Protein backbone atom coordinates (compact mmCIF):
# COMPACT_ATOMS: atom_id res chain seq x y z
CA UNK A 1 9.38 -38.98 27.45
CA UNK A 2 7.65 -38.81 30.81
CA UNK A 3 9.03 -40.67 33.80
CA UNK A 4 6.28 -43.15 34.71
CA UNK A 5 7.69 -44.05 38.12
CA UNK A 6 5.11 -43.53 40.89
CA UNK A 7 5.29 -40.10 42.48
CA UNK A 8 5.79 -40.43 46.23
CA UNK A 9 5.06 -37.48 48.51
CA UNK A 10 6.32 -38.25 52.00
CA UNK A 11 5.38 -36.64 55.32
CA UNK A 12 7.82 -34.00 56.50
CA UNK A 13 11.03 -35.34 57.98
CA UNK A 14 12.74 -33.00 60.49
CA UNK A 15 16.11 -34.42 59.35
CA UNK A 16 15.67 -32.82 55.91
CA UNK A 17 16.86 -29.42 57.13
CA UNK A 18 20.25 -30.68 58.32
CA UNK A 19 20.62 -32.92 55.26
CA UNK A 20 19.91 -29.99 52.94
CA UNK A 21 22.46 -27.81 54.68
CA UNK A 22 25.05 -30.60 54.47
CA UNK A 23 24.38 -31.05 50.75
CA UNK A 24 24.75 -27.30 50.20
CA UNK A 25 28.08 -27.29 52.06
CA UNK A 26 29.32 -30.29 50.05
CA UNK A 27 28.39 -28.69 46.74
CA UNK A 28 29.91 -25.34 47.75
CA UNK A 29 33.21 -27.08 48.56
CA UNK A 30 33.26 -29.26 45.42
CA UNK A 31 32.33 -26.49 42.97
CA UNK A 32 34.24 -23.51 44.42
CA UNK A 33 34.92 -20.79 43.49
CA UNK A 34 32.08 -20.18 40.98
CA UNK A 35 29.01 -20.49 43.25
CA UNK A 36 28.00 -17.15 44.77
CA UNK A 37 25.32 -18.88 46.86
CA UNK A 38 24.33 -22.51 47.41
CA UNK A 39 20.95 -22.86 49.10
CA UNK A 40 18.51 -25.57 50.10
CA UNK A 41 15.21 -24.70 48.40
CA UNK A 42 11.94 -26.42 47.58
CA UNK A 43 9.57 -28.31 49.83
CA UNK A 44 12.21 -30.22 51.81
CA UNK A 45 13.48 -26.81 52.99
CA UNK A 46 10.10 -25.83 54.47
CA UNK A 47 9.35 -27.02 58.04
CA UNK A 48 6.25 -29.23 58.16
CA UNK A 49 5.91 -29.58 54.37
CA UNK A 50 5.23 -32.96 52.82
CA UNK A 51 7.55 -33.51 49.88
CA UNK A 52 8.99 -35.91 47.40
CA UNK A 53 12.11 -37.21 49.19
CA UNK A 54 14.34 -35.41 46.70
CA UNK A 55 16.37 -32.39 47.77
CA UNK A 56 16.28 -29.24 45.67
CA UNK A 57 19.43 -27.14 45.83
CA UNK A 58 20.03 -23.85 44.04
CA UNK A 59 23.43 -22.55 43.01
CA UNK A 60 23.62 -18.89 42.00
CA UNK A 61 26.29 -18.00 39.44
CA UNK A 62 27.21 -15.09 37.18
CA UNK A 63 27.58 -17.12 33.95
CA UNK A 64 25.55 -20.24 33.14
CA UNK A 65 27.74 -21.44 30.26
CA UNK A 66 30.89 -21.13 32.37
CA UNK A 67 29.21 -22.93 35.25
CA UNK A 68 28.02 -25.74 32.98
CA UNK A 69 31.56 -26.33 31.70
CA UNK A 70 33.13 -26.13 35.16
CA UNK A 71 30.50 -28.13 37.05
CA UNK A 72 29.82 -31.04 34.69
CA UNK A 73 32.90 -33.12 35.59
CA UNK A 74 32.76 -32.70 39.37
CA UNK A 75 29.00 -33.27 39.41
CA UNK A 76 29.30 -36.42 37.28
CA UNK A 77 31.82 -37.73 39.83
CA UNK A 78 29.21 -37.09 42.54
CA UNK A 79 26.56 -39.11 40.65
CA UNK A 80 24.73 -36.23 38.94
CA UNK A 81 23.64 -36.28 35.31
CA UNK A 82 22.90 -33.18 33.27
CA UNK A 83 19.24 -32.71 32.33
CA UNK A 84 18.13 -31.31 28.96
CA UNK A 85 15.85 -28.80 30.72
CA UNK A 86 17.43 -25.35 30.43
CA UNK A 87 14.54 -23.05 31.30
CA UNK A 88 12.04 -22.60 34.11
CA UNK A 89 8.32 -22.03 33.76
CA UNK A 90 7.46 -18.32 33.43
CA UNK A 91 4.61 -17.59 35.88
CA UNK A 92 1.17 -17.24 34.32
CA UNK A 93 0.26 -13.66 33.43
CA UNK A 94 3.86 -12.47 33.51
CA UNK A 95 4.90 -10.95 30.20
CA UNK A 96 8.60 -11.71 30.44
CA UNK A 97 11.30 -12.90 28.07
CA UNK A 98 11.59 -16.67 28.64
CA UNK A 99 15.35 -16.29 28.18
CA UNK A 100 15.50 -14.53 31.55
CA UNK A 101 14.33 -17.81 33.11
CA UNK A 102 17.29 -19.86 31.85
CA UNK A 103 19.01 -22.38 34.10
CA UNK A 104 21.06 -25.55 34.09
CA UNK A 105 19.78 -28.62 35.88
CA UNK A 106 21.56 -31.72 37.17
CA UNK A 107 19.77 -34.70 38.72
CA UNK A 108 20.98 -37.42 41.06
CA UNK A 109 18.92 -40.54 41.69
CA UNK A 110 19.81 -43.84 43.34
CA UNK A 111 23.45 -42.99 43.99
CA UNK A 112 25.49 -43.02 47.19
CA UNK A 113 24.34 -39.49 48.06
CA UNK A 114 20.79 -38.26 48.60
CA UNK A 115 18.52 -37.89 45.59
CA UNK A 116 18.81 -34.30 44.46
CA UNK A 117 17.73 -31.76 41.84
CA UNK A 118 20.47 -29.17 41.40
CA UNK A 119 19.22 -25.94 39.83
CA UNK A 120 21.95 -23.58 38.63
CA UNK A 121 20.54 -20.11 38.00
CA UNK A 122 21.88 -16.66 37.30
CA UNK A 123 22.41 -14.45 40.32
CA UNK A 124 19.72 -11.76 40.29
CA UNK A 125 17.49 -13.59 37.79
CA UNK A 126 13.72 -13.85 38.31
CA UNK A 127 13.81 -17.64 38.64
CA UNK A 128 16.56 -17.47 41.28
CA UNK A 129 14.37 -15.01 43.22
CA UNK A 130 11.20 -17.09 42.79
CA UNK A 131 12.77 -20.22 44.31
CA UNK A 132 13.93 -18.31 47.38
CA UNK A 133 10.69 -16.35 47.78
CA UNK A 134 8.59 -19.53 47.58
CA UNK A 135 10.64 -21.14 50.36
CA UNK A 136 10.78 -18.08 52.59
CA UNK A 137 7.09 -17.19 52.23
CA UNK A 138 6.06 -20.66 53.40
CA UNK A 139 8.58 -20.51 56.25
CA UNK A 140 6.97 -17.23 57.34
CA UNK A 141 3.41 -18.60 56.88
CA UNK A 142 3.32 -22.06 58.48
CA UNK A 143 -0.47 -21.91 58.51
CA UNK A 144 -0.39 -22.30 54.68
CA UNK A 145 1.84 -25.40 54.75
CA UNK A 146 -0.84 -28.06 55.43
CA UNK A 147 -3.02 -26.99 52.48
CA UNK A 148 -0.15 -27.00 49.98
CA UNK A 149 1.14 -30.31 51.38
CA UNK A 150 -2.33 -31.83 50.99
CA UNK A 151 -2.60 -30.53 47.42
CA UNK A 152 0.69 -32.19 46.50
CA UNK A 153 -0.25 -35.46 48.17
CA UNK A 154 -3.59 -35.66 46.35
CA UNK A 155 -1.98 -34.63 43.05
CA UNK A 156 0.72 -37.30 43.35
CA UNK A 157 -1.99 -39.94 43.77
CA UNK A 158 -3.99 -38.65 40.80
CA UNK A 159 -1.32 -38.38 38.08
CA UNK A 160 1.03 -40.98 36.72
CA UNK A 161 4.11 -39.06 35.73
CA UNK A 162 6.35 -36.27 36.98
CA UNK A 163 5.83 -34.07 33.90
CA UNK A 164 2.04 -33.91 34.44
CA UNK A 165 2.59 -33.45 38.18
CA UNK A 166 4.85 -30.46 37.48
CA UNK A 167 2.50 -28.99 34.85
CA UNK A 168 -0.46 -29.07 37.26
CA UNK A 169 1.61 -27.78 40.19
CA UNK A 170 3.10 -24.78 38.31
CA UNK A 171 -0.08 -22.62 38.33
CA UNK A 172 -0.52 -23.28 42.07
CA UNK A 173 3.07 -22.12 42.64
CA UNK A 174 2.13 -19.03 40.58
CA UNK A 175 -0.73 -18.35 43.04
CA UNK A 176 1.63 -18.64 45.99
CA UNK A 177 4.12 -16.28 44.34
CA UNK A 178 1.41 -13.70 43.61
CA UNK A 179 0.66 -13.52 47.34
CA UNK A 180 4.33 -13.83 48.30
CA UNK A 181 5.30 -10.85 46.12
CA UNK A 182 2.99 -8.62 48.16
CA UNK A 183 4.48 -10.01 51.38
CA UNK A 184 8.01 -9.38 50.08
CA UNK A 185 7.17 -5.78 49.22
CA UNK A 186 5.53 -5.19 52.62
CA UNK A 187 8.32 -6.75 54.67
CA UNK A 188 11.37 -5.71 52.66
CA UNK A 189 12.26 -9.35 51.96
CA UNK A 190 15.12 -9.80 49.51
CA UNK A 191 16.80 -12.88 48.00
CA UNK A 192 19.51 -14.36 50.20
CA UNK A 193 18.14 -12.51 53.25
CA UNK A 194 17.66 -15.95 54.85
CA UNK A 195 20.62 -18.06 53.81
CA UNK A 196 19.82 -21.72 54.42
């Protein structure tokens, strides 16, 4: 069932960067030793980007089932609840096994800590790479930030639920990634080359 709460896209807040880094450090400490990387991703990690005031964090692990068992208790104590979503969207036009896009997702809303989406993905997986490439491409192309921010703001005002918002936004993310893949190849960008 779709969440019918209004979707709020807020202007960029310069404090998001430090808050995201603090969240990553907290999660790294609470969930050690399984996380290989804990990174602030998504729109709140991109300078100048309007965003829903919800932090996206990505934890890279070598085994999703092991991580799910190990993380569930500590995350519940931190106010997170496990989401039923266990797979990311496969980009349009990509003929790939959807199983390679598996993940685990925990959400925190209205608790003592900041609202957060915690994406746990396999180290070296295509969805782990996509999240980092999306963030780093926008960081390297600030001239593209206003257009994407405007798209999200208009979309949030036009749709009534987060599922529709995400479904409409996914193909636009696919467009960004198509351009970003060429940039990555030209520059030698690699996942985790900009830990943040």
